N, C-alpha and C. Protein backbone atom coordinates (compact mmCIF):
# COMPACT_ATOMS: atom_id res chain seq x y z
N GLN A 1 0.85 -1.17 0.00
CA GLN A 1 0.00 0.00 0.00
C GLN A 1 0.90 1.24 0.00
N VAL A 2 0.63 2.17 -0.88
CA VAL A 2 1.43 3.39 -0.99
C VAL A 2 1.01 4.36 0.10
N LEU A 3 2.00 4.85 0.84
CA LEU A 3 1.75 5.81 1.91
C LEU A 3 2.13 7.23 1.49
N GLY A 4 3.07 7.34 0.60
CA GLY A 4 3.55 8.64 0.16
C GLY A 4 4.64 8.45 -0.87
N PHE A 5 5.17 9.56 -1.32
CA PHE A 5 6.22 9.52 -2.32
C PHE A 5 7.42 10.30 -1.81
N SER A 6 8.58 9.93 -2.36
CA SER A 6 9.81 10.63 -2.02
C SER A 6 10.63 10.80 -3.29
N ASN A 7 11.20 11.97 -3.44
CA ASN A 7 12.09 12.25 -4.56
C ASN A 7 13.46 12.58 -4.01
N ARG A 8 14.51 12.22 -4.74
CA ARG A 8 15.86 12.55 -4.32
C ARG A 8 16.53 13.33 -5.43
N ILE A 9 17.14 14.44 -5.05
CA ILE A 9 17.94 15.21 -5.99
C ILE A 9 19.29 14.52 -6.06
N VAL A 10 19.67 14.05 -7.25
CA VAL A 10 20.91 13.31 -7.39
C VAL A 10 22.10 14.26 -7.52
N ALA A 11 22.00 15.26 -8.35
CA ALA A 11 23.08 16.23 -8.52
C ALA A 11 22.67 17.53 -7.82
N CYS A 12 23.18 17.73 -6.61
CA CYS A 12 22.80 18.91 -5.83
C CYS A 12 23.45 20.15 -6.43
N PRO A 13 22.78 21.29 -6.35
CA PRO A 13 23.39 22.54 -6.79
C PRO A 13 24.66 22.83 -6.00
N ASP A 14 25.50 23.69 -6.54
CA ASP A 14 26.79 23.99 -5.91
C ASP A 14 26.67 24.53 -4.50
N ASP A 15 25.55 25.17 -4.16
CA ASP A 15 25.45 25.77 -2.83
C ASP A 15 25.21 24.73 -1.73
N ASN A 16 24.91 23.47 -2.09
CA ASN A 16 24.67 22.38 -1.14
C ASN A 16 23.60 22.69 -0.10
N LYS A 17 22.75 23.68 -0.36
CA LYS A 17 21.69 24.02 0.57
C LYS A 17 20.36 23.41 0.16
N ALA A 18 20.31 22.83 -1.02
CA ALA A 18 19.07 22.20 -1.48
C ALA A 18 18.88 20.89 -0.73
N ALA A 19 17.66 20.60 -0.36
CA ALA A 19 17.35 19.35 0.32
C ALA A 19 17.59 18.19 -0.63
N LYS A 20 18.21 17.11 -0.15
CA LYS A 20 18.45 15.94 -0.98
C LYS A 20 17.15 15.22 -1.28
N TYR A 21 16.28 15.16 -0.27
CA TYR A 21 15.02 14.44 -0.40
C TYR A 21 13.84 15.39 -0.27
N ILE A 22 12.84 15.16 -1.08
CA ILE A 22 11.58 15.89 -0.98
C ILE A 22 10.49 14.83 -0.82
N ASN A 23 9.84 14.83 0.33
CA ASN A 23 8.85 13.81 0.65
C ASN A 23 7.43 14.35 0.52
N SER A 24 6.49 13.42 0.48
CA SER A 24 5.08 13.80 0.50
C SER A 24 4.80 14.65 1.73
N LYS A 25 3.83 15.50 1.60
CA LYS A 25 3.42 16.33 2.74
C LYS A 25 2.78 15.44 3.80
N THR A 26 2.92 15.85 5.04
CA THR A 26 2.28 15.14 6.14
C THR A 26 0.78 15.31 6.04
N ASP A 27 0.07 14.20 6.16
CA ASP A 27 -1.39 14.23 6.16
C ASP A 27 -1.90 13.10 7.05
N GLU A 28 -3.17 12.80 6.97
CA GLU A 28 -3.75 11.78 7.85
C GLU A 28 -3.20 10.38 7.58
N PHE A 29 -2.60 10.14 6.41
CA PHE A 29 -2.07 8.83 6.07
C PHE A 29 -0.56 8.74 6.22
N PHE A 30 0.12 9.86 6.10
CA PHE A 30 1.58 9.82 6.04
C PHE A 30 2.22 10.84 6.98
N GLU A 31 2.99 10.32 7.93
CA GLU A 31 3.85 11.14 8.79
C GLU A 31 5.21 10.46 8.81
N LYS A 32 6.24 11.17 8.35
CA LYS A 32 7.57 10.58 8.24
C LYS A 32 8.02 9.91 9.54
N ARG A 33 7.74 10.53 10.66
CA ARG A 33 8.26 10.03 11.94
C ARG A 33 7.67 8.68 12.34
N LYS A 34 6.60 8.25 11.67
CA LYS A 34 5.95 6.99 12.03
C LYS A 34 6.43 5.81 11.20
N PHE A 35 7.19 6.06 10.14
CA PHE A 35 7.55 5.00 9.22
C PHE A 35 9.05 4.86 9.05
N LEU A 36 9.47 3.67 8.67
CA LEU A 36 10.86 3.38 8.33
C LEU A 36 10.87 2.74 6.95
N TYR A 37 11.63 3.32 6.05
CA TYR A 37 11.74 2.76 4.71
C TYR A 37 12.52 1.45 4.80
N GLY A 38 11.98 0.41 4.20
CA GLY A 38 12.64 -0.89 4.20
C GLY A 38 12.18 -1.82 5.29
N ILE A 39 11.26 -1.38 6.14
CA ILE A 39 10.79 -2.21 7.27
C ILE A 39 10.18 -3.52 6.78
N ASN A 40 9.65 -3.53 5.58
CA ASN A 40 9.05 -4.75 5.03
C ASN A 40 10.08 -5.85 4.77
N ARG A 41 11.36 -5.50 4.75
CA ARG A 41 12.41 -6.49 4.50
C ARG A 41 13.21 -6.80 5.76
N LEU A 42 12.73 -6.32 6.91
CA LEU A 42 13.43 -6.53 8.18
C LEU A 42 13.42 -8.01 8.56
N ASP A 43 14.60 -8.56 8.83
CA ASP A 43 14.73 -9.92 9.34
C ASP A 43 14.86 -9.82 10.86
N LYS A 44 13.75 -10.00 11.55
CA LYS A 44 13.69 -9.84 13.01
C LYS A 44 14.63 -10.78 13.73
N SER A 45 14.91 -11.94 13.14
CA SER A 45 15.75 -12.93 13.80
C SER A 45 17.19 -12.47 13.98
N LEU A 46 17.63 -11.47 13.22
CA LEU A 46 19.00 -10.97 13.34
C LEU A 46 19.18 -10.14 14.61
N GLY A 47 18.12 -9.51 15.08
CA GLY A 47 18.18 -8.76 16.34
C GLY A 47 18.77 -7.37 16.23
N TYR A 48 19.22 -6.97 15.07
CA TYR A 48 19.78 -5.63 14.89
C TYR A 48 19.19 -4.97 13.66
N ALA A 49 19.36 -3.65 13.60
CA ALA A 49 18.96 -2.90 12.40
C ALA A 49 19.92 -1.74 12.23
N TYR A 50 20.35 -1.53 11.00
CA TYR A 50 21.09 -0.32 10.64
C TYR A 50 20.05 0.76 10.36
N ILE A 51 20.25 1.94 10.90
CA ILE A 51 19.34 3.05 10.68
C ILE A 51 20.11 4.14 9.94
N THR A 52 19.60 4.53 8.78
CA THR A 52 20.24 5.55 7.97
C THR A 52 19.23 6.64 7.63
N GLU A 53 19.67 7.64 6.88
CA GLU A 53 18.82 8.79 6.62
C GLU A 53 17.93 8.64 5.39
N GLY A 54 18.41 7.99 4.35
CA GLY A 54 17.65 8.05 3.10
C GLY A 54 17.41 6.71 2.44
N GLN A 55 16.42 6.71 1.58
CA GLN A 55 16.02 5.50 0.88
C GLN A 55 17.11 4.95 -0.02
N LEU A 56 17.85 5.80 -0.71
CA LEU A 56 18.92 5.31 -1.58
C LEU A 56 20.04 4.67 -0.78
N ASP A 57 20.24 5.13 0.45
CA ASP A 57 21.21 4.46 1.33
C ASP A 57 20.80 3.01 1.52
N VAL A 58 19.52 2.80 1.78
CA VAL A 58 18.98 1.45 1.99
C VAL A 58 19.14 0.61 0.72
N ILE A 59 18.76 1.17 -0.39
CA ILE A 59 18.77 0.43 -1.66
C ILE A 59 20.19 0.01 -2.04
N LEU A 60 21.13 0.93 -2.01
CA LEU A 60 22.49 0.60 -2.44
C LEU A 60 23.20 -0.29 -1.42
N ALA A 61 23.02 -0.03 -0.13
CA ALA A 61 23.65 -0.89 0.89
C ALA A 61 23.12 -2.31 0.78
N SER A 62 21.82 -2.44 0.55
CA SER A 62 21.22 -3.77 0.39
C SER A 62 21.76 -4.47 -0.86
N LYS A 63 21.96 -3.71 -1.90
CA LYS A 63 22.50 -4.28 -3.15
C LYS A 63 23.85 -4.94 -2.90
N TYR A 64 24.65 -4.36 -2.00
CA TYR A 64 25.99 -4.89 -1.73
C TYR A 64 26.04 -5.77 -0.49
N GLY A 65 24.88 -6.32 -0.10
CA GLY A 65 24.87 -7.38 0.91
C GLY A 65 24.58 -7.00 2.34
N LEU A 66 24.46 -5.73 2.65
CA LEU A 66 24.16 -5.33 4.02
C LEU A 66 22.69 -5.61 4.30
N ARG A 67 22.42 -6.27 5.40
CA ARG A 67 21.04 -6.66 5.71
C ARG A 67 20.48 -5.78 6.82
N ASN A 68 19.16 -5.71 6.86
CA ASN A 68 18.43 -4.98 7.90
C ASN A 68 18.77 -3.49 7.93
N VAL A 69 18.79 -2.90 6.76
CA VAL A 69 19.05 -1.46 6.64
C VAL A 69 17.70 -0.76 6.47
N LEU A 70 17.45 0.23 7.32
CA LEU A 70 16.20 0.99 7.31
C LEU A 70 16.52 2.48 7.24
N ALA A 71 15.62 3.24 6.65
CA ALA A 71 15.81 4.70 6.57
C ALA A 71 14.70 5.41 7.33
N VAL A 72 15.08 6.51 7.99
CA VAL A 72 14.13 7.29 8.78
C VAL A 72 13.41 8.35 7.97
N LEU A 73 13.68 8.44 6.69
CA LEU A 73 13.04 9.44 5.82
C LEU A 73 13.40 10.85 6.23
N GLY A 74 14.65 11.09 6.48
CA GLY A 74 15.15 12.40 6.92
C GLY A 74 16.26 12.17 7.92
N THR A 75 16.46 13.12 8.82
CA THR A 75 17.51 12.94 9.83
C THR A 75 16.95 12.66 11.21
N ALA A 76 15.64 12.59 11.35
CA ALA A 76 15.05 12.47 12.68
C ALA A 76 14.59 11.04 12.97
N PHE A 77 15.25 10.38 13.90
CA PHE A 77 14.80 9.10 14.42
C PHE A 77 13.81 9.42 15.53
N SER A 78 12.64 8.81 15.48
CA SER A 78 11.56 9.21 16.39
C SER A 78 11.24 8.17 17.45
N GLU A 79 10.51 8.61 18.45
CA GLU A 79 10.00 7.73 19.50
C GLU A 79 9.13 6.63 18.87
N GLU A 80 8.28 7.00 17.91
CA GLU A 80 7.40 6.03 17.26
C GLU A 80 8.20 4.94 16.55
N GLN A 81 9.28 5.33 15.89
CA GLN A 81 10.12 4.35 15.19
C GLN A 81 10.81 3.43 16.19
N ALA A 82 11.28 4.00 17.31
CA ALA A 82 11.92 3.19 18.35
C ALA A 82 10.93 2.18 18.92
N LYS A 83 9.73 2.63 19.23
CA LYS A 83 8.70 1.73 19.78
C LYS A 83 8.43 0.58 18.81
N HIS A 84 8.30 0.92 17.53
CA HIS A 84 7.99 -0.11 16.53
C HIS A 84 9.12 -1.14 16.46
N LEU A 85 10.36 -0.69 16.44
CA LEU A 85 11.49 -1.62 16.37
C LEU A 85 11.58 -2.48 17.62
N LYS A 86 11.27 -1.91 18.77
CA LYS A 86 11.28 -2.67 20.01
C LYS A 86 10.22 -3.77 19.94
N GLN A 87 9.04 -3.44 19.41
CA GLN A 87 7.97 -4.42 19.26
C GLN A 87 8.35 -5.54 18.28
N CYS A 88 9.23 -5.22 17.35
CA CYS A 88 9.70 -6.22 16.38
C CYS A 88 10.76 -7.14 16.97
N GLY A 89 11.21 -6.86 18.18
CA GLY A 89 12.21 -7.70 18.82
C GLY A 89 13.64 -7.31 18.50
N ILE A 90 13.83 -6.15 17.94
CA ILE A 90 15.18 -5.67 17.63
C ILE A 90 15.82 -5.19 18.95
N SER A 91 17.07 -5.60 19.20
CA SER A 91 17.74 -5.22 20.44
C SER A 91 18.91 -4.26 20.24
N THR A 92 19.44 -4.21 19.02
CA THR A 92 20.60 -3.36 18.73
C THR A 92 20.31 -2.47 17.54
N LEU A 93 20.56 -1.17 17.72
CA LEU A 93 20.44 -0.21 16.62
C LEU A 93 21.82 0.31 16.29
N ILE A 94 22.13 0.32 15.00
CA ILE A 94 23.42 0.81 14.51
C ILE A 94 23.11 1.98 13.58
N PHE A 95 23.42 3.18 14.04
CA PHE A 95 23.09 4.37 13.27
C PHE A 95 24.19 4.66 12.26
N ALA A 96 23.79 4.80 11.01
CA ALA A 96 24.72 5.09 9.91
C ALA A 96 24.28 6.39 9.26
N PHE A 97 24.30 7.46 10.05
CA PHE A 97 23.88 8.76 9.56
C PHE A 97 25.02 9.43 8.79
N ASP A 98 24.65 10.43 8.02
CA ASP A 98 25.60 11.13 7.16
C ASP A 98 26.76 11.72 7.96
N GLY A 99 27.92 11.79 7.32
CA GLY A 99 29.12 12.35 7.94
C GLY A 99 29.18 13.86 7.77
N ASP A 100 28.11 14.56 8.17
CA ASP A 100 28.08 16.02 8.14
C ASP A 100 27.53 16.51 9.48
N GLU A 101 27.44 17.81 9.66
CA GLU A 101 26.98 18.35 10.94
C GLU A 101 25.55 17.91 11.27
N ALA A 102 24.68 17.92 10.27
CA ALA A 102 23.29 17.49 10.50
C ALA A 102 23.25 16.03 10.94
N GLY A 103 24.06 15.20 10.30
CA GLY A 103 24.11 13.78 10.66
C GLY A 103 24.63 13.56 12.07
N LYS A 104 25.63 14.37 12.47
CA LYS A 104 26.19 14.24 13.83
C LYS A 104 25.17 14.67 14.89
N LYS A 105 24.43 15.72 14.61
CA LYS A 105 23.38 16.16 15.55
C LYS A 105 22.27 15.12 15.61
N ALA A 106 21.90 14.58 14.45
CA ALA A 106 20.85 13.56 14.40
C ALA A 106 21.28 12.31 15.16
N LEU A 107 22.56 11.95 15.07
CA LEU A 107 23.08 10.79 15.78
C LEU A 107 22.91 10.97 17.29
N LYS A 108 23.24 12.14 17.78
CA LYS A 108 23.13 12.39 19.22
C LYS A 108 21.67 12.25 19.68
N ARG A 109 20.74 12.85 18.95
CA ARG A 109 19.32 12.76 19.31
C ARG A 109 18.83 11.32 19.21
N ALA A 110 19.22 10.62 18.14
CA ALA A 110 18.78 9.24 17.93
C ALA A 110 19.32 8.33 19.03
N ALA A 111 20.56 8.53 19.42
CA ALA A 111 21.16 7.71 20.48
C ALA A 111 20.44 7.90 21.80
N GLU A 112 20.03 9.13 22.09
CA GLU A 112 19.28 9.39 23.32
C GLU A 112 17.96 8.61 23.32
N ILE A 113 17.25 8.65 22.21
CA ILE A 113 15.99 7.90 22.10
C ILE A 113 16.26 6.41 22.20
N SER A 114 17.27 5.94 21.49
CA SER A 114 17.62 4.53 21.46
C SER A 114 17.91 4.01 22.87
N LYS A 115 18.68 4.75 23.62
CA LYS A 115 19.03 4.33 24.98
C LYS A 115 17.81 4.33 25.89
N ARG A 116 16.92 5.31 25.72
CA ARG A 116 15.70 5.36 26.53
C ARG A 116 14.84 4.11 26.35
N TYR A 117 14.89 3.54 25.16
CA TYR A 117 14.10 2.35 24.87
C TYR A 117 14.88 1.05 25.12
N GLY A 118 16.07 1.17 25.67
CA GLY A 118 16.84 0.00 26.07
C GLY A 118 17.57 -0.72 24.96
N PHE A 119 17.78 -0.07 23.83
CA PHE A 119 18.54 -0.68 22.75
C PHE A 119 20.03 -0.63 23.06
N VAL A 120 20.77 -1.62 22.61
CA VAL A 120 22.22 -1.49 22.52
C VAL A 120 22.43 -0.51 21.38
N THR A 121 23.19 0.55 21.64
CA THR A 121 23.31 1.64 20.66
C THR A 121 24.72 1.70 20.11
N LYS A 122 24.80 1.57 18.79
CA LYS A 122 26.08 1.66 18.09
C LYS A 122 25.95 2.69 16.99
N TYR A 123 27.07 3.02 16.38
CA TYR A 123 27.07 3.95 15.25
C TYR A 123 28.19 3.59 14.30
N ILE A 124 28.05 4.08 13.08
CA ILE A 124 29.10 3.93 12.08
C ILE A 124 29.83 5.26 12.00
N ASP A 125 31.13 5.21 12.18
CA ASP A 125 31.96 6.42 12.07
C ASP A 125 32.09 6.75 10.58
N MET A 126 31.12 7.51 10.09
CA MET A 126 31.03 7.82 8.67
C MET A 126 32.08 8.86 8.29
N PRO A 127 32.80 8.67 7.19
CA PRO A 127 33.77 9.68 6.76
C PRO A 127 33.09 11.03 6.52
N GLU A 128 33.80 12.09 6.78
CA GLU A 128 33.28 13.45 6.60
C GLU A 128 32.76 13.62 5.17
N GLY A 129 31.52 14.10 5.07
CA GLY A 129 30.92 14.37 3.77
C GLY A 129 30.31 13.16 3.08
N PHE A 130 30.41 11.98 3.69
CA PHE A 130 29.88 10.75 3.10
C PHE A 130 28.52 10.42 3.71
N ASP A 131 27.74 9.67 2.95
CA ASP A 131 26.57 9.02 3.51
C ASP A 131 26.71 7.53 3.19
N LEU A 132 25.78 6.72 3.67
CA LEU A 132 25.89 5.28 3.45
C LEU A 132 25.87 4.92 1.97
N CYS A 133 25.12 5.68 1.20
CA CYS A 133 25.06 5.46 -0.25
C CYS A 133 26.46 5.63 -0.87
N ASP A 134 27.16 6.70 -0.47
CA ASP A 134 28.52 6.94 -0.97
C ASP A 134 29.46 5.80 -0.57
N LEU A 135 29.38 5.40 0.70
CA LEU A 135 30.24 4.33 1.21
C LEU A 135 29.96 3.02 0.48
N ALA A 136 28.70 2.71 0.27
CA ALA A 136 28.32 1.48 -0.44
C ALA A 136 28.85 1.50 -1.87
N PHE A 137 28.71 2.64 -2.54
CA PHE A 137 29.17 2.76 -3.92
C PHE A 137 30.69 2.58 -4.01
N ARG A 138 31.41 3.16 -3.04
CA ARG A 138 32.87 3.06 -3.07
C ARG A 138 33.37 1.68 -2.67
N GLN A 139 32.75 1.08 -1.66
CA GLN A 139 33.23 -0.19 -1.11
C GLN A 139 32.66 -1.41 -1.83
N GLN A 140 31.46 -1.29 -2.33
CA GLN A 140 30.74 -2.36 -3.04
C GLN A 140 30.87 -3.70 -2.32
N ASP A 141 31.61 -4.64 -2.87
CA ASP A 141 31.69 -5.99 -2.29
C ASP A 141 32.40 -6.03 -0.94
N ASN A 142 33.07 -4.95 -0.55
CA ASN A 142 33.73 -4.88 0.76
C ASN A 142 32.90 -4.09 1.77
N LEU A 143 31.67 -3.76 1.43
CA LEU A 143 30.84 -2.91 2.29
C LEU A 143 30.64 -3.50 3.68
N ILE A 144 30.32 -4.78 3.77
CA ILE A 144 30.06 -5.39 5.07
C ILE A 144 31.30 -5.30 5.95
N TYR A 145 32.47 -5.60 5.41
CA TYR A 145 33.72 -5.49 6.17
C TYR A 145 33.95 -4.04 6.60
N GLU A 146 33.74 -3.09 5.70
CA GLU A 146 33.94 -1.67 6.01
C GLU A 146 33.01 -1.21 7.13
N MET A 147 31.76 -1.67 7.08
CA MET A 147 30.79 -1.30 8.12
C MET A 147 31.23 -1.86 9.47
N ARG A 148 31.65 -3.09 9.51
CA ARG A 148 32.12 -3.70 10.77
C ARG A 148 33.34 -2.96 11.30
N PHE A 149 34.23 -2.55 10.39
CA PHE A 149 35.44 -1.81 10.78
C PHE A 149 35.08 -0.45 11.39
N ARG A 150 34.07 0.21 10.86
CA ARG A 150 33.68 1.55 11.30
C ARG A 150 32.67 1.54 12.45
N GLU A 151 32.18 0.38 12.83
CA GLU A 151 31.14 0.26 13.85
C GLU A 151 31.74 0.39 15.26
N ALA A 152 31.05 1.16 16.10
CA ALA A 152 31.51 1.32 17.49
C ALA A 152 30.29 1.54 18.39
N TYR A 153 30.45 1.22 19.66
CA TYR A 153 29.40 1.52 20.63
C TYR A 153 29.30 3.02 20.81
N TYR A 154 28.09 3.51 20.87
CA TYR A 154 27.89 4.95 21.03
C TYR A 154 28.51 5.46 22.34
N PHE A 155 28.59 4.59 23.34
CA PHE A 155 29.21 4.96 24.61
C PHE A 155 30.61 5.54 24.39
N TYR A 156 31.37 4.96 23.46
CA TYR A 156 32.73 5.44 23.19
C TYR A 156 32.72 6.85 22.62
N LYS A 157 31.72 7.16 21.80
CA LYS A 157 31.59 8.51 21.25
C LYS A 157 31.29 9.50 22.37
N GLU A 158 30.39 9.10 23.27
CA GLU A 158 30.07 9.98 24.40
C GLU A 158 31.30 10.21 25.27
N LEU A 159 32.06 9.17 25.52
CA LEU A 159 33.28 9.28 26.32
C LEU A 159 34.29 10.20 25.63
N GLU A 160 34.46 10.02 24.33
CA GLU A 160 35.37 10.87 23.56
C GLU A 160 34.93 12.34 23.64
N ASP A 161 33.64 12.61 23.54
CA ASP A 161 33.13 13.98 23.63
C ASP A 161 33.42 14.59 25.00
N VAL A 162 33.25 13.80 26.07
CA VAL A 162 33.52 14.29 27.42
C VAL A 162 35.01 14.60 27.58
N ILE A 163 35.86 13.73 27.09
CA ILE A 163 37.31 13.95 27.17
C ILE A 163 37.71 15.21 26.39
N ASN A 164 37.17 15.36 25.18
CA ASN A 164 37.48 16.54 24.37
C ASN A 164 37.03 17.82 25.05
N GLU A 165 35.85 17.80 25.66
CA GLU A 165 35.35 18.98 26.38
C GLU A 165 36.24 19.29 27.58
N TYR A 166 36.67 18.27 28.29
CA TYR A 166 37.58 18.45 29.42
C TYR A 166 38.89 19.08 28.96
N GLU A 167 39.44 18.58 27.85
CA GLU A 167 40.71 19.12 27.34
C GLU A 167 40.54 20.57 26.88
N ARG A 168 39.41 20.91 26.26
CA ARG A 168 39.17 22.31 25.86
C ARG A 168 39.09 23.23 27.08
N THR A 169 38.39 22.76 28.09
CA THR A 169 38.26 23.55 29.32
C THR A 169 39.61 23.72 29.99
N LEU A 170 40.39 22.67 30.04
CA LEU A 170 41.72 22.73 30.64
C LEU A 170 42.60 23.72 29.89
N LEU A 171 42.58 23.71 28.56
CA LEU A 171 43.37 24.65 27.77
C LEU A 171 42.92 26.09 28.01
N GLU A 172 41.63 26.28 28.11
CA GLU A 172 41.10 27.62 28.36
C GLU A 172 41.56 28.14 29.72
N ILE A 173 41.52 27.29 30.72
CA ILE A 173 41.97 27.69 32.07
C ILE A 173 43.46 28.00 32.04
N ARG A 174 44.24 27.18 31.40
CA ARG A 174 45.68 27.43 31.31
C ARG A 174 45.98 28.74 30.62
N SER A 175 45.26 29.02 29.52
CA SER A 175 45.53 30.27 28.81
C SER A 175 45.14 31.49 29.66
N ARG A 176 44.07 31.39 30.44
CA ARG A 176 43.71 32.51 31.33
C ARG A 176 44.73 32.71 32.43
N LEU A 177 45.29 31.64 32.96
CA LEU A 177 46.27 31.74 34.03
C LEU A 177 47.58 32.32 33.55
N MET A 178 47.87 32.14 32.27
CA MET A 178 49.14 32.63 31.73
C MET A 178 49.09 34.11 31.39
N LEU A 179 47.91 34.71 31.38
CA LEU A 179 47.79 36.14 31.06
C LEU A 179 48.19 37.02 32.17
């Protein structure tokens, strides 16, 4: 059953401010936050799901052998999506969001939701400026190995952020004391 439509701009204008995806308007039948692209192909027995931003990420990653890849139809992973995945018996979420500022912010929000629902939370350390579609296209038959290599527990990212903030604060204090 068709719920809505999505278009993707393949060649973005030079200003990079154009939205990559243009989705159907929200109405009584379609709300992006309630659906995951690719959910119909979810193998619940695996216990994990890769969560990415766009439909082409799902399509190309699946083409090169990555299983259980779902897209949030944007950058926002929602409470409704988390509830649905929990009901499906999924225990581990691996976020493969874009390697840009929006993707990093989305990862932080998604990890908070994921942890609230008791998921084991992991992420893919995506190269700067890449998305899963880019990585799949470049790695092709090595995609699964590359994903495993880049996969880490989100806890390590949080720890790294705390350490970096501590070091910034320490440098700031040192510079003030030297004046």
